[in-house]
C-alpha atoms as a PDB file:
ATOM      1  CA  MET A   1      -7.483 -21.975  -6.087  1.00  0.00           C
ATOM      2  CA  SER A   2      -7.359 -18.207  -5.472  1.00  0.00           C
ATOM      3  CA  GLU A   3      -9.131 -15.938  -7.929  1.00  0.00           C
ATOM      4  CA  LYS A   4      -7.166 -13.079  -9.481  1.00  0.00           C
ATOM      5  CA  LEU A   5      -8.841  -9.847  -8.413  1.00  0.00           C
ATOM      6  CA  LEU A   6      -6.383  -7.190  -9.524  1.00  0.00           C
ATOM      7  CA  GLU A   7      -3.525  -7.121 -11.996  1.00  0.00           C
ATOM      8  CA  VAL A   8      -1.352  -4.064 -12.522  1.00  0.00           C
ATOM      9  CA  ARG A   9       0.734  -4.136 -15.702  1.00  0.00           C
ATOM     10  CA  ASN A  10       3.635  -1.789 -16.430  1.00  0.00           C
ATOM     11  CA  LEU A  11       2.044   1.120 -14.556  1.00  0.00           C
ATOM     12  CA  ARG A  12       3.704   4.464 -15.162  1.00  0.00           C
ATOM     13  CA  THR A  13       2.577   7.568 -13.264  1.00  0.00           C
ATOM     14  CA  VAL A  14       4.384  10.873 -13.734  1.00  0.00           C
ATOM     15  CA  PHE A  15       4.208  14.428 -12.438  1.00  0.00           C
ATOM     16  CA  HIS A  16       4.577  17.265 -14.927  1.00  0.00           C
ATOM     17  CA  THR A  17       6.805  20.019 -13.564  1.00  0.00           C
ATOM     18  CA  GLU A  18       8.716  23.015 -14.879  1.00  0.00           C
ATOM     19  CA  GLU A  19      11.814  20.793 -14.875  1.00  0.00           C
ATOM     20  CA  GLY A  20      10.129  18.163 -17.022  1.00  0.00           C
ATOM     21  CA  GLU A  21       8.315  14.868 -16.551  1.00  0.00           C
ATOM     22  CA  MET A  22       9.068  13.210 -13.195  1.00  0.00           C
ATOM     23  CA  PRO A  23       8.239   9.465 -13.022  1.00  0.00           C
ATOM     24  CA  ALA A  24       6.910   8.595  -9.539  1.00  0.00           C
ATOM     25  CA  VAL A  25       5.907   5.053 -10.558  1.00  0.00           C
ATOM     26  CA  ASP A  26       7.891   3.609 -13.435  1.00  0.00           C
ATOM     27  CA  GLY A  27       6.816   0.295 -14.976  1.00  0.00           C
ATOM     28  CA  VAL A  28       5.409  -1.409 -11.868  1.00  0.00           C
ATOM     29  CA  SER A  29       3.579  -4.748 -12.270  1.00  0.00           C
ATOM     30  CA  PHE A  30       1.934  -7.061  -9.728  1.00  0.00           C
ATOM     31  CA  ARG A  31      -1.217  -9.080  -9.073  1.00  0.00           C
ATOM     32  CA  LEU A  32      -3.528  -9.497  -6.096  1.00  0.00           C
ATOM     33  CA  ASP A  33      -5.618 -12.607  -5.512  1.00  0.00           C
ATOM     34  CA  SER A  34      -8.807 -12.948  -3.488  1.00  0.00           C
ATOM     35  CA  GLY A  35      -8.083 -13.196   0.224  1.00  0.00           C
ATOM     36  CA  GLU A  36      -4.423 -12.224  -0.243  1.00  0.00           C
ATOM     37  CA  VAL A  37      -2.532  -9.615   1.760  1.00  0.00           C
ATOM     38  CA  LEU A  38       0.148  -7.972  -0.389  1.00  0.00           C
ATOM     39  CA  ALA A  39       2.595  -5.641   1.350  1.00  0.00           C
ATOM     40  CA  ILE A  40       4.251  -2.899  -0.709  1.00  0.00           C
ATOM     41  CA  VAL A  41       7.377  -1.805   1.127  1.00  0.00           C
ATOM     42  CA  GLY A  42       9.996   0.917   0.753  1.00  0.00           C
ATOM     43  CA  GLU A  43      11.308   4.176   2.143  1.00  0.00           C
ATOM     44  CA  SER A  44       9.404   7.432   1.797  1.00  0.00           C
ATOM     45  CA  GLY A  45       9.591   8.652  -1.792  1.00  0.00           C
ATOM     46  CA  CYS A  46       9.767   5.181  -3.367  1.00  0.00           C
ATOM     47  CA  GLY A  47       6.349   5.435  -5.065  1.00  0.00           C
ATOM     48  CA  LYS A  48       4.251   3.244  -2.751  1.00  0.00           C
ATOM     49  CA  SER A  49       1.433   5.708  -2.087  1.00  0.00           C
ATOM     50  CA  VAL A  50       1.370   6.926  -5.698  1.00  0.00           C
ATOM     51  CA  THR A  51       0.928   3.290  -6.768  1.00  0.00           C
ATOM     52  CA  SER A  52      -2.078   2.894  -4.477  1.00  0.00           C
ATOM     53  CA  LEU A  53      -3.626   6.209  -5.544  1.00  0.00           C
ATOM     54  CA  SER A  54      -3.129   5.230  -9.190  1.00  0.00           C
ATOM     55  CA  ILE A  55      -5.234   2.104  -8.669  1.00  0.00           C
ATOM     56  CA  LEU A  56      -8.176   4.313  -7.682  1.00  0.00           C
ATOM     57  CA  LYS A  57      -7.337   7.004 -10.260  1.00  0.00           C
ATOM     58  CA  LEU A  58      -6.885   9.580  -7.504  1.00  0.00           C
ATOM     59  CA  ILE A  59      -3.653  11.129  -8.775  1.00  0.00           C
ATOM     60  CA  PRO A  60      -3.794  14.897  -8.160  1.00  0.00           C
ATOM     61  CA  SER A  61      -2.702  17.426 -10.772  1.00  0.00           C
ATOM     62  CA  PRO A  62      -0.027  17.836 -12.116  1.00  0.00           C
ATOM     63  CA  GLY A  63       0.193  14.049 -11.857  1.00  0.00           C
ATOM     64  CA  GLU A  64      -0.948  11.731 -14.645  1.00  0.00           C
ATOM     65  CA  ILE A  65      -1.073   8.003 -15.354  1.00  0.00           C
ATOM     66  CA  VAL A  66       0.612   7.833 -18.752  1.00  0.00           C
ATOM     67  CA  ALA A  67       0.996   4.090 -19.383  1.00  0.00           C
ATOM     68  CA  GLY A  68      -0.002   0.639 -18.235  1.00  0.00           C
ATOM     69  CA  GLU A  69      -3.132  -1.279 -17.307  1.00  0.00           C
ATOM     70  CA  ILE A  70      -4.984  -1.713 -14.001  1.00  0.00           C
ATOM     71  CA  LEU A  71      -7.210  -4.748 -14.459  1.00  0.00           C
ATOM     72  CA  TYR A  72      -9.897  -5.271 -11.813  1.00  0.00           C
ATOM     73  CA  LYS A  73     -11.787  -8.502 -12.461  1.00  0.00           C
ATOM     74  CA  GLY A  74     -10.464  -8.336 -16.010  1.00  0.00           C
ATOM     75  CA  GLU A  75     -11.633  -4.759 -16.724  1.00  0.00           C
ATOM     76  CA  ASP A  76      -9.135  -1.928 -17.163  1.00  0.00           C
ATOM     77  CA  LEU A  77      -9.898   0.799 -14.606  1.00  0.00           C
ATOM     78  CA  LEU A  78      -7.910   3.306 -16.660  1.00  0.00           C
ATOM     79  CA  LYS A  79     -10.613   3.118 -19.351  1.00  0.00           C
ATOM     80  CA  LYS A  80     -13.466   3.897 -16.943  1.00  0.00           C
ATOM     81  CA  ASN A  81     -14.963   7.376 -16.652  1.00  0.00           C
ATOM     82  CA  THR A  82     -15.414   9.398 -13.461  1.00  0.00           C
ATOM     83  CA  LYS A  83     -18.954   8.155 -12.793  1.00  0.00           C
ATOM     84  CA  GLU A  84     -17.913   4.526 -13.163  1.00  0.00           C
ATOM     85  CA  MET A  85     -14.887   5.025 -10.909  1.00  0.00           C
ATOM     86  CA  ASN A  86     -17.017   6.714  -8.242  1.00  0.00           C
ATOM     87  CA  GLN A  87     -19.127   3.561  -8.054  1.00  0.00           C
ATOM     88  CA  ILE A  88     -16.040   1.370  -7.731  1.00  0.00           C
ATOM     89  CA  ARG A  89     -14.371   3.535  -5.079  1.00  0.00           C
ATOM     90  CA  GLY A  90     -15.646   2.544  -1.663  1.00  0.00           C
ATOM     91  CA  GLU A  91     -17.970  -0.161  -2.925  1.00  0.00           C
ATOM     92  CA  GLU A  92     -15.501  -2.433  -4.760  1.00  0.00           C
ATOM     93  CA  ILE A  93     -12.093  -1.002  -3.840  1.00  0.00           C
ATOM     94  CA  SER A  94     -11.690   1.041  -0.683  1.00  0.00           C
ATOM     95  CA  MET A  95      -8.776   2.866   0.906  1.00  0.00           C
ATOM     96  CA  ILE A  96      -7.617   3.739   4.407  1.00  0.00           C
ATOM     97  CA  PHE A  97      -5.712   6.966   3.884  1.00  0.00           C
ATOM     98  CA  GLN A  98      -2.381   7.693   5.502  1.00  0.00           C
ATOM     99  CA  GLU A  99      -3.329  10.424   7.983  1.00  0.00           C
ATOM    100  CA  PRO A 100      -6.432   9.785  10.133  1.00  0.00           C
ATOM    101  CA  MET A 101      -5.866  13.156  11.806  1.00  0.00           C
ATOM    102  CA  THR A 102      -6.563  15.006   8.538  1.00  0.00           C
ATOM    103  CA  SER A 103      -8.637  12.494   6.538  1.00  0.00           C
ATOM    104  CA  LEU A 104     -11.723  12.859   8.748  1.00  0.00           C
ATOM    105  CA  ASN A 105     -13.872  15.984   8.393  1.00  0.00           C
ATOM    106  CA  PRO A 106     -13.642  17.861  11.720  1.00  0.00           C
ATOM    107  CA  VAL A 107     -17.106  19.475  11.439  1.00  0.00           C
ATOM    108  CA  PHE A 108     -19.187  16.292  11.121  1.00  0.00           C
ATOM    109  CA  PRO A 109     -19.751  13.475  13.638  1.00  0.00           C
ATOM    110  CA  ILE A 110     -18.048  10.222  12.713  1.00  0.00           C
ATOM    111  CA  GLY A 111     -21.404   8.446  12.352  1.00  0.00           C
ATOM    112  CA  HIS A 112     -22.463  10.950   9.693  1.00  0.00           C
ATOM    113  CA  GLN A 113     -19.223  10.355   7.787  1.00  0.00           C
ATOM    114  CA  ILE A 114     -19.663   6.574   7.823  1.00  0.00           C
ATOM    115  CA  MET A 115     -23.327   6.841   6.775  1.00  0.00           C
ATOM    116  CA  GLU A 116     -22.413   9.193   3.917  1.00  0.00           C
ATOM    117  CA  SER A 117     -20.616   6.396   2.049  1.00  0.00           C
ATOM    118  CA  LEU A 118     -23.593   4.038   2.397  1.00  0.00           C
ATOM    119  CA  ILE A 119     -26.065   6.657   1.217  1.00  0.00           C
ATOM    120  CA  TYR A 120     -23.880   7.568  -1.775  1.00  0.00           C
ATOM    121  CA  HIS A 121     -23.736   3.933  -2.832  1.00  0.00           C
ATOM    122  CA  GLY A 122     -27.505   3.453  -2.780  1.00  0.00           C
ATOM    123  CA  GLU A 123     -28.802   3.008   0.778  1.00  0.00           C
ATOM    124  CA  LYS A 124     -31.902   5.247   0.835  1.00  0.00           C
ATOM    125  CA  ASP A 125     -33.083   4.336   4.339  1.00  0.00           C
ATOM    126  CA  LYS A 126     -31.214   6.550   6.826  1.00  0.00           C
ATOM    127  CA  ALA A 127     -32.255   4.359   9.752  1.00  0.00           C
ATOM    128  CA  LYS A 128     -30.600   1.353   8.082  1.00  0.00           C
ATOM    129  CA  ALA A 129     -27.520   3.438   7.289  1.00  0.00           C
ATOM    130  CA  LYS A 130     -27.291   4.482  10.942  1.00  0.00           C
ATOM    131  CA  ALA A 131     -27.678   0.887  12.114  1.00  0.00           C
ATOM    132  CA  ARG A 132     -24.905  -0.159   9.713  1.00  0.00           C
ATOM    133  CA  ALA A 133     -22.639   2.643  11.007  1.00  0.00           C
ATOM    134  CA  ILE A 134     -23.183   1.444  14.582  1.00  0.00           C
ATOM    135  CA  GLU A 135     -22.484  -2.135  13.502  1.00  0.00           C
ATOM    136  CA  MET A 136     -19.214  -1.100  11.830  1.00  0.00           C
ATOM    137  CA  LEU A 137     -18.046   0.887  14.859  1.00  0.00           C
ATOM    138  CA  ARG A 138     -18.726  -2.133  17.043  1.00  0.00           C
ATOM    139  CA  LEU A 139     -16.831  -4.329  14.569  1.00  0.00           C
ATOM    140  CA  VAL A 140     -13.722  -2.136  14.790  1.00  0.00           C
ATOM    141  CA  GLY A 141     -13.687  -2.139  18.585  1.00  0.00           C
ATOM    142  CA  PHE A 142     -15.849   0.700  19.924  1.00  0.00           C
ATOM    143  CA  SER A 143     -17.413  -0.529  23.176  1.00  0.00           C
ATOM    144  CA  THR A 144     -20.363   1.904  23.016  1.00  0.00           C
ATOM    145  CA  PRO A 145     -20.921   2.509  19.287  1.00  0.00           C
ATOM    146  CA  GLU A 146     -24.433   3.919  19.866  1.00  0.00           C
ATOM    147  CA  LYS A 147     -22.808   6.861  21.667  1.00  0.00           C
ATOM    148  CA  ALA A 148     -19.704   6.969  19.502  1.00  0.00           C
ATOM    149  CA  ILE A 149     -21.595   7.779  16.282  1.00  0.00           C
ATOM    150  CA  SER A 150     -22.214  11.286  17.654  1.00  0.00           C
ATOM    151  CA  TYR A 151     -18.544  11.906  18.507  1.00  0.00           C
ATOM    152  CA  PHE A 152     -16.513  14.398  16.514  1.00  0.00           C
ATOM    153  CA  PRO A 153     -12.986  13.442  15.357  1.00  0.00           C
ATOM    154  CA  SER A 154     -11.466  15.883  17.861  1.00  0.00           C
ATOM    155  CA  GLN A 155     -12.950  13.811  20.699  1.00  0.00           C
ATOM    156  CA  LEU A 156     -11.045  10.685  19.632  1.00  0.00           C
ATOM    157  CA  SER A 157      -7.468   9.484  20.073  1.00  0.00           C
ATOM    158  CA  GLY A 158      -5.268   8.708  17.067  1.00  0.00           C
ATOM    159  CA  GLY A 159      -5.939   4.989  17.414  1.00  0.00           C
ATOM    160  CA  MET A 160      -9.707   5.531  17.561  1.00  0.00           C
ATOM    161  CA  ARG A 161      -9.614   7.786  14.499  1.00  0.00           C
ATOM    162  CA  GLN A 162      -7.747   5.076  12.634  1.00  0.00           C
ATOM    163  CA  ARG A 163     -10.477   2.602  13.630  1.00  0.00           C
ATOM    164  CA  VAL A 164     -13.075   5.004  12.240  1.00  0.00           C
ATOM    165  CA  MET A 165     -11.141   5.168   8.955  1.00  0.00           C
ATOM    166  CA  ILE A 166     -11.142   1.364   8.803  1.00  0.00           C
ATOM    167  CA  ALA A 167     -14.886   1.285   9.543  1.00  0.00           C
ATOM    168  CA  MET A 168     -15.537   3.796   6.744  1.00  0.00           C
ATOM    169  CA  ALA A 169     -13.406   1.803   4.305  1.00  0.00           C
ATOM    170  CA  LEU A 170     -15.209  -1.479   5.065  1.00  0.00           C
ATOM    171  CA  THR A 171     -18.780  -0.176   5.318  1.00  0.00           C
ATOM    172  CA  CYS A 172     -19.732  -1.208   1.765  1.00  0.00           C
ATOM    173  CA  GLU A 173     -17.888  -4.561   2.045  1.00  0.00           C
ATOM    174  CA  PRO A 174     -15.283  -3.924  -0.689  1.00  0.00           C
ATOM    175  CA  GLN A 175     -13.426  -6.695  -2.466  1.00  0.00           C
ATOM    176  CA  ILE A 176     -10.086  -4.897  -2.051  1.00  0.00           C
ATOM    177  CA  LEU A 177      -8.903  -2.776   0.871  1.00  0.00           C
ATOM    178  CA  ILE A 178      -5.856  -0.533   0.372  1.00  0.00           C
ATOM    179  CA  ALA A 179      -4.271   0.429   3.699  1.00  0.00           C
ATOM    180  CA  ASP A 180      -1.789   3.272   3.239  1.00  0.00           C
ATOM    181  CA  GLU A 181       0.546   3.322   6.267  1.00  0.00           C
ATOM    182  CA  PRO A 182      -2.322   2.449   8.665  1.00  0.00           C
ATOM    183  CA  THR A 183      -0.035   2.338  11.723  1.00  0.00           C
ATOM    184  CA  THR A 184       1.979   5.520  11.109  1.00  0.00           C
ATOM    185  CA  ALA A 185       2.204   7.890  14.114  1.00  0.00           C
ATOM    186  CA  LEU A 186       0.650   5.303  16.446  1.00  0.00           C
ATOM    187  CA  ASP A 187       2.484   3.838  19.418  1.00  0.00           C
ATOM    188  CA  VAL A 188       3.515   0.182  19.259  1.00  0.00           C
ATOM    189  CA  THR A 189       0.610  -1.042  21.389  1.00  0.00           C
ATOM    190  CA  ILE A 190      -1.973   0.640  19.148  1.00  0.00           C
ATOM    191  CA  GLN A 191      -0.054  -0.534  16.056  1.00  0.00           C
ATOM    192  CA  ALA A 192      -0.427  -4.133  17.227  1.00  0.00           C
ATOM    193  CA  GLN A 193      -4.155  -3.596  17.843  1.00  0.00           C
ATOM    194  CA  ILE A 194      -4.709  -2.115  14.371  1.00  0.00           C
ATOM    195  CA  LEU A 195      -2.808  -4.975  12.675  1.00  0.00           C
ATOM    196  CA  ARG A 196      -4.765  -7.553  14.657  1.00  0.00           C
ATOM    197  CA  LEU A 197      -7.991  -5.780  13.724  1.00  0.00           C
ATOM    198  CA  LEU A 198      -7.120  -5.808   9.998  1.00  0.00           C
ATOM    199  CA  LYS A 199      -6.346  -9.540  10.170  1.00  0.00           C
ATOM    200  CA  GLU A 200      -9.646 -10.256  11.941  1.00  0.00           C
ATOM    201  CA  LEU A 201     -11.649  -8.128   9.503  1.00  0.00           C
ATOM    202  CA  LYS A 202      -9.986  -9.830   6.535  1.00  0.00           C
ATOM    203  CA  GLU A 203     -11.124 -13.187   7.894  1.00  0.00           C
ATOM    204  CA  LYS A 204     -14.667 -11.925   8.500  1.00  0.00           C
ATOM    205  CA  THR A 205     -15.170 -10.011   5.241  1.00  0.00           C
ATOM    206  CA  GLY A 206     -12.894 -11.949   2.866  1.00  0.00           C
ATOM    207  CA  ALA A 207     -11.407  -8.726   1.491  1.00  0.00           C
ATOM    208  CA  ALA A 208      -7.995  -8.788  -0.141  1.00  0.00           C
ATOM    209  CA  ILE A 209      -5.616  -6.185   1.303  1.00  0.00           C
ATOM    210  CA  ILE A 210      -2.805  -4.088  -0.143  1.00  0.00           C
ATOM    211  CA  MET A 211      -0.728  -2.900   2.814  1.00  0.00           C
ATOM    212  CA  ILE A 212       1.479   0.115   2.073  1.00  0.00           C
ATOM    213  CA  THR A 213       4.289   0.506   4.611  1.00  0.00           C
ATOM    214  CA  HIS A 214       7.911   1.501   5.108  1.00  0.00           C
ATOM    215  CA  ASP A 215       8.241  -0.894   8.044  1.00  0.00           C
ATOM    216  CA  LEU A 216       9.311  -4.439   7.188  1.00  0.00           C
ATOM    217  CA  GLY A 217       9.014  -5.204  10.891  1.00  0.00           C
ATOM    218  CA  ILE A 218       5.201  -5.306  10.724  1.00  0.00           C
ATOM    219  CA  VAL A 219       4.945  -7.060   7.356  1.00  0.00           C
ATOM    220  CA  ALA A 220       5.574 -10.565   8.728  1.00  0.00           C
ATOM    221  CA  GLN A 221       2.544 -10.224  10.991  1.00  0.00           C
ATOM    222  CA  ILE A 222      -0.007  -9.835   8.217  1.00  0.00           C
ATOM    223  CA  ALA A 223       1.277 -10.273   4.626  1.00  0.00           C
ATOM    224  CA  HIS A 224       1.327 -13.292   2.315  1.00  0.00           C
ATOM    225  CA  ASN A 225       3.509 -11.672  -0.351  1.00  0.00           C
ATOM    226  CA  VAL A 226       5.788  -8.646  -0.403  1.00  0.00           C
ATOM    227  CA  MET A 227       6.768  -6.253  -3.189  1.00  0.00           C
ATOM    228  CA  VAL A 228       9.742  -4.017  -2.390  1.00  0.00           C
ATOM    229  CA  MET A 229       9.842  -0.674  -4.220  1.00  0.00           C
ATOM    230  CA  TYR A 230      12.746   1.677  -4.731  1.00  0.00           C
ATOM    231  CA  ALA A 231      12.801   4.948  -6.711  1.00  0.00           C
ATOM    232  CA  GLY A 232       9.517   4.211  -8.486  1.00  0.00           C
ATOM    233  CA  GLU A 233      10.369   0.621  -9.455  1.00  0.00           C
ATOM    234  CA  ALA A 234       9.638  -2.837  -8.077  1.00  0.00           C
ATOM    235  CA  VAL A 235      13.030  -4.277  -7.133  1.00  0.00           C
ATOM    236  CA  GLU A 236      11.955  -7.526  -5.444  1.00  0.00           C
ATOM    237  CA  TYR A 237       8.840  -9.686  -5.042  1.00  0.00           C
ATOM    238  CA  ALA A 238       8.475 -12.876  -2.991  1.00  0.00           C
ATOM    239  CA  PRO A 239       6.291 -14.705  -0.471  1.00  0.00           C
ATOM    240  CA  VAL A 240       6.840 -13.121   2.929  1.00  0.00           C
ATOM    241  CA  ARG A 241       8.640 -16.093   4.511  1.00  0.00           C
ATOM    242  CA  GLU A 242      10.915 -16.455   1.494  1.00  0.00           C
ATOM    243  CA  LEU A 243      11.747 -12.747   1.580  1.00  0.00           C
ATOM    244  CA  TYR A 244      12.776 -12.852   5.236  1.00  0.00           C
ATOM    245  CA  LYS A 245      14.656 -16.127   4.848  1.00  0.00           C
ATOM    246  CA  ASN A 246      16.418 -15.339   1.575  1.00  0.00           C
ATOM    247  CA  PRO A 247      16.359 -11.629   0.611  1.00  0.00           C
ATOM    248  CA  LEU A 248      18.045 -11.088  -2.745  1.00  0.00           C
ATOM    249  CA  HIS A 249      18.171  -7.407  -3.583  1.00  0.00           C
ATOM    250  CA  PRO A 250      20.797  -5.367  -1.683  1.00  0.00           C
ATOM    251  CA  TYR A 251      18.091  -2.814  -0.837  1.00  0.00           C
ATOM    252  CA  THR A 252      15.862  -5.465   0.736  1.00  0.00           C
ATOM    253  CA  LYS A 253      18.823  -6.799   2.694  1.00  0.00           C
ATOM    254  CA  GLY A 254      19.497  -3.291   3.985  1.00  0.00           C
ATOM    255  CA  LEU A 255      15.875  -2.801   5.055  1.00  0.00           C
ATOM    256  CA  LEU A 256      15.885  -6.095   6.956  1.00  0.00           C
ATOM    257  CA  GLN A 257      19.261  -5.378   8.520  1.00  0.00           C
ATOM    258  CA  SER A 258      18.001  -2.043   9.844  1.00  0.00           C
ATOM    259  CA  ILE A 259      15.246  -3.694  11.924  1.00  0.00           C
ATOM    260  CA  PRO A 260      16.294  -3.782  15.602  1.00  0.00           C
ATOM    261  CA  LYS A 261      16.565  -7.336  16.984  1.00  0.00           C
ATOM    262  CA  ILE A 262      15.658  -7.952  20.591  1.00  0.00           C
ATOM    263  CA  ASN A 263      18.372 -10.605  21.081  1.00  0.00           C
ATOM    264  CA  GLU A 264      21.208  -8.449  19.712  1.00  0.00           C
ATOM    265  CA  ASP A 265      23.030  -5.651  21.488  1.00  0.00           C
ATOM    266  CA  HIS A 266      24.330  -2.815  19.302  1.00  0.00           C
ATOM    267  CA  ASP A 267      25.510   0.677  20.163  1.00  0.00           C
ATOM    268  CA  THR A 268      24.182   1.986  16.838  1.00  0.00           C
ATOM    269  CA  LEU A 269      21.519   0.674  14.473  1.00  0.00           C
ATOM    270  CA  TYR A 270      22.345  -0.162  10.859  1.00  0.00           C
ATOM    271  CA  ASN A 271      21.204   2.334   8.259  1.00  0.00           C
ATOM    272  CA  ILE A 272      21.436   2.276   4.482  1.00  0.00           C
ATOM    273  CA  PRO A 273      23.853   5.048   3.429  1.00  0.00           C
ATOM    274  CA  GLY A 274      22.533   7.893   1.304  1.00  0.00           C
ATOM    275  CA  MET A 275      18.984   8.902   0.384  1.00  0.00           C
ATOM    276  CA  VAL A 276      16.350   7.830  -2.127  1.00  0.00           C
ATOM    277  CA  PRO A 277      17.000   9.987  -5.235  1.00  0.00           C
ATOM    278  CA  GLY A 278      14.325  12.277  -6.586  1.00  0.00           C
ATOM    279  CA  PRO A 279      12.916  11.482 -10.054  1.00  0.00           C
ATOM    280  CA  LYS A 280      15.108  14.096 -11.745  1.00  0.00           C
ATOM    281  CA  ASP A 281      18.197  12.544 -10.160  1.00  0.00           C
ATOM    282  CA  TYR A 282      17.640   8.884 -11.075  1.00  0.00           C
ATOM    283  CA  PRO A 283      20.933   7.248 -12.139  1.00  0.00           C
ATOM    284  CA  LYS A 284      21.321   6.015 -15.708  1.00  0.00           C
ATOM    285  CA  GLY A 285      21.733   2.374 -14.669  1.00  0.00           C
ATOM    286  CA  CYS A 286      20.512   0.728 -11.479  1.00  0.00           C
ATOM    287  CA  ARG A 287      18.707   3.302  -9.349  1.00  0.00           C
ATOM    288  CA  PHE A 288      20.064   1.793  -6.138  1.00  0.00           C
ATOM    289  CA  CYS A 289      23.632   1.822  -7.466  1.00  0.00           C
ATOM    290  CA  PRO A 290      24.910   4.942  -5.574  1.00  0.00           C
ATOM    291  CA  ARG A 291      23.917   3.339  -2.230  1.00  0.00           C
ATOM    292  CA  CYS A 292      24.857  -0.267  -3.003  1.00  0.00           C
ATOM    293  CA  GLU A 293      27.971  -1.938  -1.582  1.00  0.00           C
ATOM    294  CA  TYR A 294      27.975  -4.497  -4.433  1.00  0.00           C
ATOM    295  CA  ALA A 295      27.736  -1.977  -7.294  1.00  0.00           C
ATOM    296  CA  GLY A 296      30.075  -2.274 -10.262  1.00  0.00           C
ATOM    297  CA  GLU A 297      30.606  -0.449 -13.567  1.00  0.00           C
ATOM    298  CA  ARG A 298      27.767  -2.288 -15.274  1.00  0.00           C
ATOM    299  CA  CYS A 299      25.370  -1.175 -12.533  1.00  0.00           C
ATOM    300  CA  GLU A 300      26.304   2.440 -13.245  1.00  0.00           C
ATOM    301  CA  ARG A 301      25.645   2.313 -16.980  1.00  0.00           C
ATOM    302  CA  GLU A 302      22.938  -0.357 -17.551  1.00  0.00           C
ATOM    303  CA  LYS A 303      19.501  -0.709 -16.017  1.00  0.00           C
ATOM    304  CA  PRO A 304      18.997  -4.280 -14.717  1.00  0.00           C
ATOM    305  CA  PRO A 305      15.907  -6.226 -15.884  1.00  0.00           C
ATOM    306  CA  TYR A 306      13.255  -7.523 -13.491  1.00  0.00           C
ATOM    307  CA  VAL A 307      13.970 -11.266 -13.604  1.00  0.00           C
ATOM    308  CA  LYS A 308      11.988 -14.232 -12.369  1.00  0.00           C
ATOM    309  CA  ARG A 309      14.058 -16.977 -10.793  1.00  0.00           C
ATOM    310  CA  ALA A 310      13.263 -20.675 -10.731  1.00  0.00           C
ATOM    311  CA  ASP A 311      11.961 -20.394  -7.147  1.00  0.00           C
ATOM    312  CA  GLY A 312       9.396 -17.749  -8.192  1.00  0.00           C
ATOM    313  CA  HIS A 313      11.351 -14.927  -6.580  1.00  0.00           C
ATOM    314  CA  ARG A 314      11.521 -11.770  -8.733  1.00  0.00           C
ATOM    315  CA  VAL A 315      14.427  -9.363  -8.445  1.00  0.00           C
ATOM    316  CA  ARG A 316      15.884  -6.373 -10.312  1.00  0.00           C
ATOM    317  CA  CYS A 317      19.649  -6.709  -9.851  1.00  0.00           C
ATOM    318  CA  TRP A 318      22.657  -7.636 -12.014  1.00  0.00           C
ATOM    319  CA  LEU A 319      23.747 -10.120  -9.325  1.00  0.00           C
ATOM    320  CA  TYR A 320      20.941 -12.404 -10.559  1.00  0.00           C
ATOM    321  CA  GLU A 321      20.982 -11.852 -14.312  1.00  0.00           C
ATOM    322  CA  GLY A 322      20.580 -15.572 -15.016  1.00  0.00           C
ATOM    323  CA  GLY A 323      16.839 -15.466 -14.425  1.00  0.00           C
ATOM    324  CA  GLU A 324      14.055 -15.002 -16.970  1.00  0.00           C
ATOM    325  CA  ALA A 325      13.238 -11.344 -17.679  1.00  0.00           C
ATOM    326  CA  ASN A 326       9.661 -10.752 -16.547  1.00  0.00           C
ATOM    327  CA  ASP A 327       7.799  -7.549 -15.778  1.00  0.00           C
ATOM    328  CA  ALA A 328       4.528  -9.200 -14.777  1.00  0.00           C
END
């Protein structure tokens, strides 16, 4: 039976602005088991990246986590101080950041940047740290890692920089790897290589993965479970096969419908009408209501609960109000 590694309960992260408090993540709950790959999916502005940064307590000012619990192995990370979190970051929970082009320091060789994490987390022998850096570069696909450790980021392609970011994230063998849009800005061939690499590394290291993405097309290749976010809320949660076979929320249906299918010929691709609202423009009722073809008067005035159905599927929509209300 899988061990529960991480449980997020009713997480609420806001940004304080001159116009008031703007909720970027509003009451999100989920769990992650050992060895699991959980995909968090949604359009830009839905709160996916803020959720992942909240887990590591990396919310920049004027942002603030104002409510909820983030339980890692039963301990609430929100109660830990900066020193304790610095030990957890990288060693226990690691993150591949969204932009490899800007996340690597341009003035240091990549080997130095990989070694830095090892040294910070207690490796005093620089020769061992260098050997580990070479080992990690070989693991992520560098054919000549002994030479590559002296390369600067500017000497690498986008795909190679992303591999370096993965190597850095896995150097200390974390229990949880958060991958924030790891295939963004890469061509489809490199995307496939990066996804295959993450799957192989998960098998070798046993790390659980939280995959942040806007692309449901890549989710089926790697995820066990999927949480769909919209306007700061979780609107659907299901095993990946169940989600593709039987999507419930109108937003999820729209995301799946917008994926091009190789066996279908269309002059134009489907797109969900409208835009994700900003926090100050959230509707009173269902936040997807202005874009939803099934919306009625109740959707406009009442916020739907997050219900758990008999099949284990969770959904936030008045079309399925017969389920059991459940925010966990």
